[in-house]
C-alpha cells in the first residue's frame, strides 16, 4: 500500500515539473515575440524611366458617309448598285426618267436659237443705219460746201432739211446698236437658261460622289424620287455611300488626360475581330470636352484599302501620353492620398517609421514619379500603412516584386 502511494506521489511530481517547464517556455516565447518589432514590406526609391500610357477602347467609323439624293424629281428607270457594292467617284448609280424635262430642253434650245437670229437681224440693222447715215451725211456736206462757195445758191430751208436728215441717221445708228446690245443680252440669258436645263437633264444620272461602298439602298426601279434640294425630310435618298478605304478610329480621351494629347502622337492599335495590330497617329481632336461624358473625341486615320476592317468594329488602343527618363520612382502602392496631398511612410536608418510628404509626377500602371520629398535609396512602405505609427520601430522586408521604374 505504501509503495503505491510513493509511486503516485512520484508521478504527480513529474507532471507538475513538466507543466511548470511548459508554462515558462510558452510565456518566454510570447514575451520575446512582444519585444521583437513588426515586419514591414518596403521598396527602395529608385532612379529609372517611366511612361504614362492610356488604354482606351475605340470604334471605327467611315471617313465620310453621304446620302445620295437626286437633284430632280423623277421615276427611277434603272438602278445599277446594291448594298455592299464598291463604287468609284463619278460612277453611274441610277438613271431617272423625267418626261417634262425633255420639253423644257427643247424649249430652251429653240429660244436660244431665236435669240441668235435676233442678234443677226440687229447686226444687219446697224449696218443699214450706218450706210444710210453715210449717204445722208455726204449729201449734207456737199450742200453745205456749195452754200459756202456761193452764198444764196442753196436755199436755207434745203440746207436745214439735209442737216436734220444727217442727225436723224446718226441717231438711227445709235438705236440700232442699242437694239443689238439688247439682243446679245437676251441671247446670253437664253443661253444660261438652256445650260441650266441641260444641267438638270444631266442630274437624271445619279453618280457616286466619292470612292466607297454602298451601305444602304433606299429605292428600286420605278420608285418616285423627290428632288433633294430642300431640307424636306420626305425626300428619299437613292443610296447611302460610305468611304471605307479610309476609316476614322474614334477614341474618348478622359478629361484628366486631355492635356497630354497632341497631333502626331503614336497610338498602338489592336483589333480583336481580325487579330490585327498596327501603329497609328493622332490626326485630329475636337478640343472640346463633352459635358455628358467628360471625354474629348480623338481620331486616328486608318488605311483600309483591302476593306478588312468594317465600320462599327471595336479596337483596343494604347497612347503613350508622356515619357520621363532618369527620374525617381516608387511603387504606386506606397502612396497615401489625403485629398490633394500625397505622402509616404519611409523606414529610416534606425528602422523607424516616418511620414514624408511628396510631390508626384506622371504615373504608370505600377510606379509613380517622385518630383520632391524623397531621395534615391530611401525605403518606402508598400502596404498596410494604416498599421504603422510614426516613430514605431519595424523590421523592413524588401518586396519580392520590387522593380525598376520603367514599367508601362
Protein backbone atom coordinates (compact mmCIF):
# COMPACT_ATOMS: atom_id res chain seq x y z
CA UNK A 1 0.00 0.00 0.00
CA UNK A 2 2.78 2.42 0.91
CA UNK A 3 4.62 1.51 -2.29
CA UNK A 4 1.63 2.53 -4.40
CA UNK A 5 1.40 5.83 -2.59
CA UNK A 6 5.03 6.63 -3.31
CA UNK A 7 4.56 5.78 -6.97
CA UNK A 8 1.51 8.08 -7.16
CA UNK A 9 3.37 10.95 -5.47
CA UNK A 10 6.37 10.50 -7.81
CA UNK A 11 4.10 10.62 -10.87
CA UNK A 12 2.40 13.80 -9.64
CA UNK A 13 5.77 15.42 -9.09
CA UNK A 14 6.88 14.59 -12.64
CA UNK A 15 3.64 16.01 -14.12
CA UNK A 16 3.99 19.18 -12.05
CA UNK A 17 7.58 19.77 -13.12
CA UNK A 18 6.59 19.22 -16.79
CA UNK A 19 3.70 21.71 -16.50
CA UNK A 20 5.99 24.34 -14.97
CA UNK A 21 8.55 23.89 -17.74
CA UNK A 22 5.87 24.17 -20.46
CA UNK A 23 4.40 27.32 -18.86
CA UNK A 24 7.78 29.03 -18.66
CA UNK A 25 8.61 28.04 -22.24
CA UNK A 26 5.40 29.43 -23.72
CA UNK A 27 5.40 32.66 -21.77
CA UNK A 28 9.06 33.16 -22.51
CA UNK A 29 8.40 32.94 -26.29
CA UNK A 30 5.41 35.32 -26.02
CA UNK A 31 7.45 37.87 -24.14
CA UNK A 32 10.27 37.59 -26.62
CA UNK A 33 7.81 37.95 -29.52
CA UNK A 34 6.28 41.00 -27.88
CA UNK A 35 9.69 42.59 -27.72
CA UNK A 36 10.50 41.97 -31.42
CA UNK A 37 9.45 44.78 -33.91
CA UNK A 38 6.77 44.03 -36.52
CA UNK A 39 7.86 43.46 -40.10
CA UNK A 40 7.10 45.91 -42.91
CA UNK A 41 7.27 45.31 -46.64
CA UNK A 42 9.39 48.04 -48.22
CA UNK A 43 10.70 49.05 -51.63
CA UNK A 44 13.65 51.32 -52.42
CA UNK A 45 13.35 54.70 -54.10
CA UNK A 46 14.99 54.01 -57.45
CA UNK A 47 16.01 56.04 -60.46
CA UNK A 48 14.75 54.96 -63.88
CA UNK A 49 12.34 55.67 -66.72
CA UNK A 50 8.57 55.86 -66.52
CA UNK A 51 5.81 56.11 -69.10
CA UNK A 52 2.24 57.30 -68.76
CA UNK A 53 0.24 55.07 -71.11
CA UNK A 54 -3.50 55.46 -71.63
CA UNK A 55 -5.51 52.38 -72.63
CA UNK A 56 -8.76 53.11 -74.46
CA UNK A 57 -11.39 51.22 -76.44
CA UNK A 58 -12.23 52.90 -79.75
CA UNK A 59 -14.69 52.38 -82.57
CA UNK A 60 -14.14 52.57 -86.32
CA UNK A 61 -16.27 54.98 -88.34
CA UNK A 62 -16.31 55.65 -92.11
CA UNK A 63 -14.21 58.62 -93.14
CA UNK A 64 -17.23 60.05 -94.96
CA UNK A 65 -20.87 58.97 -95.19
CA UNK A 66 -23.20 60.51 -97.79
CA UNK A 67 -26.89 60.05 -98.52
CA UNK A 68 -27.02 60.41 -102.31
CA UNK A 69 -30.13 62.37 -103.38
CA UNK A 70 -31.39 63.15 -106.85
CA UNK A 71 -31.26 66.83 -107.87
CA UNK A 72 -34.52 66.49 -109.85
CA UNK A 73 -37.75 64.66 -109.21
CA UNK A 74 -38.48 61.62 -111.33
CA UNK A 75 -39.01 57.90 -111.58
CA UNK A 76 -36.08 55.50 -111.38
CA UNK A 77 -35.60 53.98 -114.82
CA UNK A 78 -32.54 51.89 -113.86
CA UNK A 79 -30.58 51.37 -110.63
CA UNK A 80 -27.24 49.67 -111.05
CA UNK A 81 -25.94 49.10 -107.50
CA UNK A 82 -26.93 47.32 -104.32
CA UNK A 83 -25.67 47.16 -100.73
CA UNK A 84 -22.07 46.01 -100.44
CA UNK A 85 -21.06 47.13 -103.92
CA UNK A 86 -17.82 49.08 -104.21
CA UNK A 87 -18.15 52.23 -106.30
CA UNK A 88 -15.83 54.90 -107.68
CA UNK A 89 -16.30 58.65 -107.65
CA UNK A 90 -18.34 59.61 -110.73
CA UNK A 91 -19.68 56.08 -111.30
CA UNK A 92 -23.29 55.92 -112.55
CA UNK A 93 -25.58 54.62 -109.79
CA UNK A 94 -29.07 55.19 -111.21
CA UNK A 95 -30.93 56.87 -114.09
CA UNK A 96 -34.15 58.85 -113.61
CA UNK A 97 -36.94 59.36 -116.12
CA UNK A 98 -38.32 62.95 -116.22
CA UNK A 99 -40.55 63.38 -119.35
CA UNK A 100 -41.39 67.06 -118.73
CA UNK A 101 -37.71 67.88 -118.62
CA UNK A 102 -37.34 66.87 -122.27
CA UNK A 103 -39.89 69.51 -123.27
CA UNK A 104 -38.04 72.14 -121.26
CA UNK A 105 -34.80 71.25 -123.01
CA UNK A 106 -36.42 71.59 -126.46
CA UNK A 107 -37.98 74.92 -125.46
CA UNK A 108 -34.71 76.42 -124.25
CA UNK A 109 -32.88 75.19 -127.35
CA UNK A 110 -35.46 76.93 -129.58
CA UNK A 111 -35.35 80.13 -127.51
CA UNK A 112 -31.58 80.20 -127.67
CA UNK A 113 -31.65 79.76 -131.47
CA UNK A 114 -34.23 82.57 -131.81
CA UNK A 115 -32.02 84.87 -129.74
CA UNK A 116 -29.15 84.17 -132.11
CA UNK A 117 -31.39 85.15 -135.06
CA UNK A 118 -32.31 88.38 -133.27
CA UNK A 119 -28.64 89.22 -132.94
CA UNK A 120 -28.13 88.67 -136.69
CA UNK A 121 -31.10 90.91 -137.52
CA UNK A 122 -29.86 93.63 -135.16
CA UNK A 123 -26.39 93.48 -136.71
CA UNK A 124 -27.93 94.00 -140.17
CA UNK A 125 -29.92 96.96 -138.85
CA UNK A 126 -26.71 98.54 -137.59
CA UNK A 127 -25.04 98.08 -140.99
CA UNK A 128 -28.06 99.52 -142.84
CA UNK A 129 -28.24 102.51 -140.47
CA UNK A 130 -24.58 103.20 -140.94
CA UNK A 131 -24.93 103.07 -144.75
CA UNK A 132 -27.91 105.46 -144.72
CA UNK A 133 -26.06 107.81 -142.41
CA UNK A 134 -23.03 107.88 -144.70
CA UNK A 135 -25.23 108.76 -147.71
CA UNK A 136 -27.20 111.47 -145.90
CA UNK A 137 -24.11 112.89 -144.27
CA UNK A 138 -22.39 113.13 -147.70
CA UNK A 139 -25.42 114.97 -149.15
CA UNK A 140 -25.44 117.45 -146.32
CA UNK A 141 -21.71 118.13 -146.60
CA UNK A 142 -22.00 118.81 -150.38
CA UNK A 143 -24.85 121.27 -149.89
CA UNK A 144 -23.01 122.96 -147.07
CA UNK A 145 -19.85 123.36 -149.19
CA UNK A 146 -21.84 124.74 -152.16
CA UNK A 147 -23.66 127.23 -149.92
CA UNK A 148 -20.33 128.36 -148.52
CA UNK A 149 -18.79 128.75 -152.00
CA UNK A 150 -21.74 130.67 -153.48
CA UNK A 151 -23.93 132.27 -150.83
CA UNK A 152 -27.61 132.25 -151.76
CA UNK A 153 -27.20 129.35 -154.21
CA UNK A 154 -28.71 126.82 -151.79
CA UNK A 155 -31.90 127.69 -150.00
CA UNK A 156 -31.56 127.85 -146.24
CA UNK A 157 -34.54 125.53 -145.81
CA UNK A 158 -32.97 122.89 -148.01
CA UNK A 159 -29.74 123.06 -146.06
CA UNK A 160 -31.59 122.68 -142.75
CA UNK A 161 -33.51 119.66 -144.05
CA UNK A 162 -30.27 117.98 -145.14
CA UNK A 163 -28.69 118.60 -141.72
CA UNK A 164 -31.77 117.23 -139.98
CA UNK A 165 -31.67 114.03 -142.01
CA UNK A 166 -27.95 113.67 -141.23
CA UNK A 167 -28.52 113.95 -137.49
CA UNK A 168 -31.52 111.57 -137.61
CA UNK A 169 -29.47 108.94 -139.39
CA UNK A 170 -26.77 109.21 -136.71
CA UNK A 171 -29.41 108.65 -134.03
CA UNK A 172 -30.70 105.68 -136.00
CA UNK A 173 -27.23 104.12 -135.80
CA UNK A 174 -27.21 104.52 -132.01
CA UNK A 175 -30.67 102.97 -131.78
CA UNK A 176 -29.60 100.02 -133.92
CA UNK A 177 -26.53 99.46 -131.76
CA UNK A 178 -28.67 99.55 -128.61
CA UNK A 179 -31.03 97.01 -130.14
CA UNK A 180 -28.03 94.81 -130.97
CA UNK A 181 -26.76 95.02 -127.37
CA UNK A 182 -30.25 94.11 -126.07
CA UNK A 183 -30.39 91.13 -128.42
CA UNK A 184 -26.98 89.97 -127.23
CA UNK A 185 -28.06 90.17 -123.59
CA UNK A 186 -31.24 88.30 -124.38
CA UNK A 187 -29.16 85.64 -126.10
CA UNK A 188 -26.92 85.32 -123.05
CA UNK A 189 -29.99 84.89 -120.85
CA UNK A 190 -31.42 82.27 -123.18
CA UNK A 191 -28.06 80.50 -123.28
CA UNK A 192 -27.87 80.45 -119.47
CA UNK A 193 -31.41 79.06 -119.24
CA UNK A 194 -30.55 76.44 -121.83
CA UNK A 195 -27.43 75.49 -119.89
CA UNK A 196 -29.44 75.28 -116.65
CA UNK A 197 -32.00 72.92 -118.17
CA UNK A 198 -29.26 70.79 -119.72
CA UNK A 199 -27.63 70.58 -116.29
CA UNK A 200 -30.94 69.45 -114.83
CA UNK A 201 -31.13 66.84 -117.57
CA UNK A 202 -27.65 65.68 -116.57
CA UNK A 203 -28.91 65.30 -113.00
CA UNK A 204 -31.17 62.49 -114.15
CA UNK A 205 -27.96 60.46 -113.97
CA UNK A 206 -27.24 59.86 -110.27
CA UNK A 207 -23.49 59.34 -109.75
CA UNK A 208 -21.30 58.42 -106.79
CA UNK A 209 -19.76 61.50 -105.08
CA UNK A 210 -16.79 59.54 -103.71
CA UNK A 211 -14.99 56.20 -103.67
CA UNK A 212 -16.73 53.93 -101.23
CA UNK A 213 -19.18 51.15 -100.51
CA UNK A 214 -22.96 51.16 -100.85
CA UNK A 215 -24.12 50.63 -97.27
CA UNK A 216 -27.84 51.05 -97.96
CA UNK A 217 -30.23 51.22 -100.91
CA UNK A 218 -33.47 53.14 -100.41
CA UNK A 219 -35.29 52.75 -103.75
CA UNK A 220 -35.96 50.26 -106.54
CA UNK A 221 -36.78 50.56 -110.23
CA UNK A 222 -39.96 52.59 -110.79
CA UNK A 223 -39.86 54.38 -107.43
CA UNK A 224 -40.70 58.10 -107.45
CA UNK A 225 -37.78 60.12 -106.12
CA UNK A 226 -38.29 63.69 -104.93
CA UNK A 227 -35.67 66.32 -105.61
CA UNK A 228 -33.28 66.57 -102.67
CA UNK A 229 -32.83 70.34 -102.94
CA UNK A 230 -34.56 71.32 -99.68
CA UNK A 231 -34.49 70.26 -96.04
CA UNK A 232 -37.76 68.35 -96.54
CA UNK A 233 -37.40 65.09 -94.61
CA UNK A 234 -39.78 63.39 -97.06
CA UNK A 235 -37.23 63.50 -99.87
CA UNK A 236 -35.94 59.95 -100.18
CA UNK A 237 -32.25 59.32 -100.96
CA UNK A 238 -31.37 56.82 -103.66
CA UNK A 239 -28.46 55.15 -101.81
CA UNK A 240 -26.05 55.76 -98.93
CA UNK A 241 -22.33 55.66 -99.73
CA UNK A 242 -19.60 55.30 -97.09
CA UNK A 243 -15.92 55.89 -97.74
CA UNK A 244 -14.42 52.76 -96.21
CA UNK A 245 -10.94 52.63 -97.74
CA UNK A 246 -10.01 55.16 -95.05
CA UNK A 247 -11.55 54.86 -91.58
CA UNK A 248 -11.70 57.09 -88.54
CA UNK A 249 -10.84 55.40 -85.24
CA UNK A 250 -12.57 57.50 -82.58
CA UNK A 251 -11.22 57.44 -79.03
CA UNK A 252 -12.84 59.06 -75.96
CA UNK A 253 -9.91 60.60 -74.03
CA UNK A 254 -10.73 61.32 -70.34
CA UNK A 255 -10.65 64.93 -69.18
CA UNK A 256 -7.56 64.43 -66.98
CA UNK A 257 -5.52 63.21 -69.95
CA UNK A 258 -6.60 65.86 -72.50
CA UNK A 259 -3.53 67.97 -71.71
CA UNK A 260 -1.23 65.20 -72.99
CA UNK A 261 -2.89 64.71 -76.41
CA UNK A 262 -1.05 66.19 -79.40
CA UNK A 263 -1.30 65.74 -83.15
CA UNK A 264 1.15 63.11 -84.36
CA UNK A 265 1.19 61.11 -81.11
CA UNK A 266 1.60 57.40 -81.83
CA UNK A 267 -1.24 55.03 -80.99
CA UNK A 268 -0.84 51.26 -80.72
CA UNK A 269 -4.00 49.61 -82.09
CA UNK A 270 -5.17 46.01 -81.82
CA UNK A 271 -8.38 44.80 -83.46
CA UNK A 272 -9.52 41.55 -81.87
CA UNK A 273 -12.11 40.82 -84.56
CA UNK A 274 -9.46 40.41 -87.27
CA UNK A 275 -6.44 39.79 -85.00
CA UNK A 276 -4.62 42.78 -86.48
CA UNK A 277 -2.14 45.06 -84.74
CA UNK A 278 -0.70 48.27 -86.17
CA UNK A 279 0.58 51.71 -85.21
CA UNK A 280 -1.43 54.84 -85.97
CA UNK A 281 -1.10 58.54 -85.21
CA UNK A 282 -3.43 61.09 -83.69
CA UNK A 283 -4.66 63.18 -86.63
CA UNK A 284 -7.27 65.43 -85.04
CA UNK A 285 -9.23 66.02 -81.85
CA UNK A 286 -12.21 68.18 -81.01
CA UNK A 287 -10.51 70.42 -78.41
CA UNK A 288 -13.84 70.21 -76.58
CA UNK A 289 -14.74 68.08 -73.54
CA UNK A 290 -18.24 66.59 -73.61
CA UNK A 291 -20.35 67.73 -70.67
CA UNK A 292 -22.12 64.36 -70.59
CA UNK A 293 -19.10 62.00 -70.65
CA UNK A 294 -16.24 64.33 -69.61
CA UNK A 295 -14.19 63.00 -72.53
CA UNK A 296 -12.72 64.53 -75.69
CA UNK A 297 -13.20 62.81 -79.05
CA UNK A 298 -9.84 62.00 -80.64
CA UNK A 299 -9.38 60.46 -84.09
CA UNK A 300 -6.81 58.24 -85.77
CA UNK A 301 -6.98 57.78 -89.56
CA UNK A 302 -6.57 54.12 -90.57
CA UNK A 303 -5.86 52.94 -94.13
CA UNK A 304 -8.27 50.17 -95.14
CA UNK A 305 -7.63 49.57 -98.83
CA UNK A 306 -8.37 45.85 -98.55
CA UNK A 307 -11.59 46.57 -96.59
CA UNK A 308 -10.55 44.07 -93.91
CA UNK A 309 -11.82 46.47 -91.26
CA UNK A 310 -15.51 47.26 -91.03
CA UNK A 311 -17.22 50.33 -89.68
CA UNK A 312 -18.51 49.69 -86.16
CA UNK A 313 -15.68 47.35 -85.14
CA UNK A 314 -14.01 47.98 -81.78
CA UNK A 315 -10.28 48.31 -81.21
CA UNK A 316 -8.12 48.33 -78.09
CA UNK A 317 -5.57 51.13 -78.12
CA UNK A 318 -2.67 52.43 -76.08
CA UNK A 319 -1.44 56.02 -76.27
CA UNK A 320 1.89 56.98 -74.74
CA UNK A 321 0.98 60.28 -73.13
CA UNK A 322 4.36 61.04 -71.53
CA UNK A 323 7.82 59.52 -71.08
CA UNK A 324 10.31 60.69 -68.43
CA UNK A 325 13.78 59.21 -68.13
CA UNK A 326 16.28 59.18 -65.25
CA UNK A 327 13.69 60.13 -62.60
CA UNK A 328 12.95 58.90 -59.07
CA UNK A 329 10.18 56.31 -58.92
CA UNK A 330 8.33 54.36 -56.24
CA UNK A 331 5.59 51.70 -56.40
CA UNK A 332 2.06 53.04 -56.63
CA UNK A 333 1.13 51.07 -53.50
CA UNK A 334 3.47 53.22 -51.43
CA UNK A 335 1.46 56.42 -51.95
CA UNK A 336 -1.13 57.52 -49.40
CA UNK A 337 -3.58 60.12 -50.74
CA UNK A 338 -5.24 62.57 -48.39
CA UNK A 339 -7.26 64.85 -50.60
CA UNK A 340 -4.80 66.68 -52.86
CA UNK A 341 -1.86 65.88 -50.59
CA UNK A 342 0.24 62.77 -51.20
CA UNK A 343 2.52 61.19 -48.61
CA UNK A 344 4.51 58.01 -47.96
CA UNK A 345 5.79 56.13 -44.94
CA UNK A 346 9.57 55.65 -45.00
CA UNK A 347 11.82 53.47 -42.85
CA UNK A 348 14.88 55.45 -41.70
CA UNK A 349 18.36 54.18 -40.86
CA UNK A 350 17.21 53.23 -37.36
CA UNK A 351 14.34 51.21 -38.86
CA UNK A 352 11.78 53.67 -37.52
CA UNK A 353 8.70 54.78 -39.42
CA UNK A 354 8.44 58.39 -40.60
CA UNK A 355 5.79 60.24 -42.60
CA UNK A 356 7.05 62.14 -45.60
CA UNK A 357 5.01 64.48 -47.86
CA UNK A 358 5.86 64.03 -51.54
CA UNK A 359 5.12 65.73 -54.83
CA UNK A 360 4.29 63.29 -57.62
CA UNK A 361 4.63 63.41 -61.41
CA UNK A 362 3.33 61.02 -64.05
CA UNK A 363 2.10 57.55 -63.16
CA UNK A 364 2.34 54.21 -64.94
CA UNK A 365 0.38 51.07 -64.11
CA UNK A 366 2.77 50.12 -61.29
CA UNK A 367 5.08 53.07 -60.50
CA UNK A 368 4.81 56.78 -59.97
CA UNK A 369 7.33 59.56 -60.50
CA UNK A 370 8.56 61.45 -57.40
CA UNK A 371 9.32 65.12 -58.04
CA UNK A 372 10.27 66.04 -54.47
CA UNK A 373 10.23 64.70 -50.92
CA UNK A 374 12.37 61.58 -51.32
CA UNK A 375 15.96 60.69 -52.12
CA UNK A 376 17.34 57.78 -54.06
CA UNK A 377 17.92 54.71 -51.89
CA UNK A 378 15.37 55.53 -49.19
CA UNK A 379 12.90 52.77 -48.37
CA UNK A 380 9.13 53.27 -48.51
CA UNK A 381 6.46 51.01 -47.02
CA UNK A 382 4.37 49.48 -49.82
CA UNK A 383 1.32 48.16 -47.97
CA UNK A 384 -0.76 48.31 -44.79
CA UNK A 385 0.29 51.87 -43.99
CA UNK A 386 -2.59 52.19 -41.50
CA UNK A 387 -0.92 49.56 -39.29
CA UNK A 388 2.15 51.69 -38.60
CA UNK A 389 2.66 54.77 -36.47
CA UNK A 390 5.35 57.45 -36.88
CA UNK A 391 8.29 56.63 -34.64
CA UNK A 392 7.45 52.92 -34.48
CA UNK A 393 10.38 50.56 -34.99
CA UNK A 394 9.88 47.93 -37.68
CA UNK A 395 11.78 45.16 -39.35
CA UNK A 396 11.99 46.07 -43.08
CA UNK A 397 11.41 43.30 -45.57
CA UNK A 398 12.27 44.06 -49.22
CA UNK A 399 9.29 43.44 -51.51
CA UNK A 400 9.92 40.50 -53.81
CA UNK A 401 8.30 42.27 -56.78
CA UNK A 402 10.33 45.45 -56.45
CA UNK A 403 11.47 46.52 -59.89
CA UNK A 404 12.93 49.46 -61.74
CA UNK A 405 10.61 52.33 -62.56
CA UNK A 406 10.39 51.63 -66.27
CA UNK A 407 7.01 49.93 -66.07
CA UNK A 408 4.44 50.62 -68.73
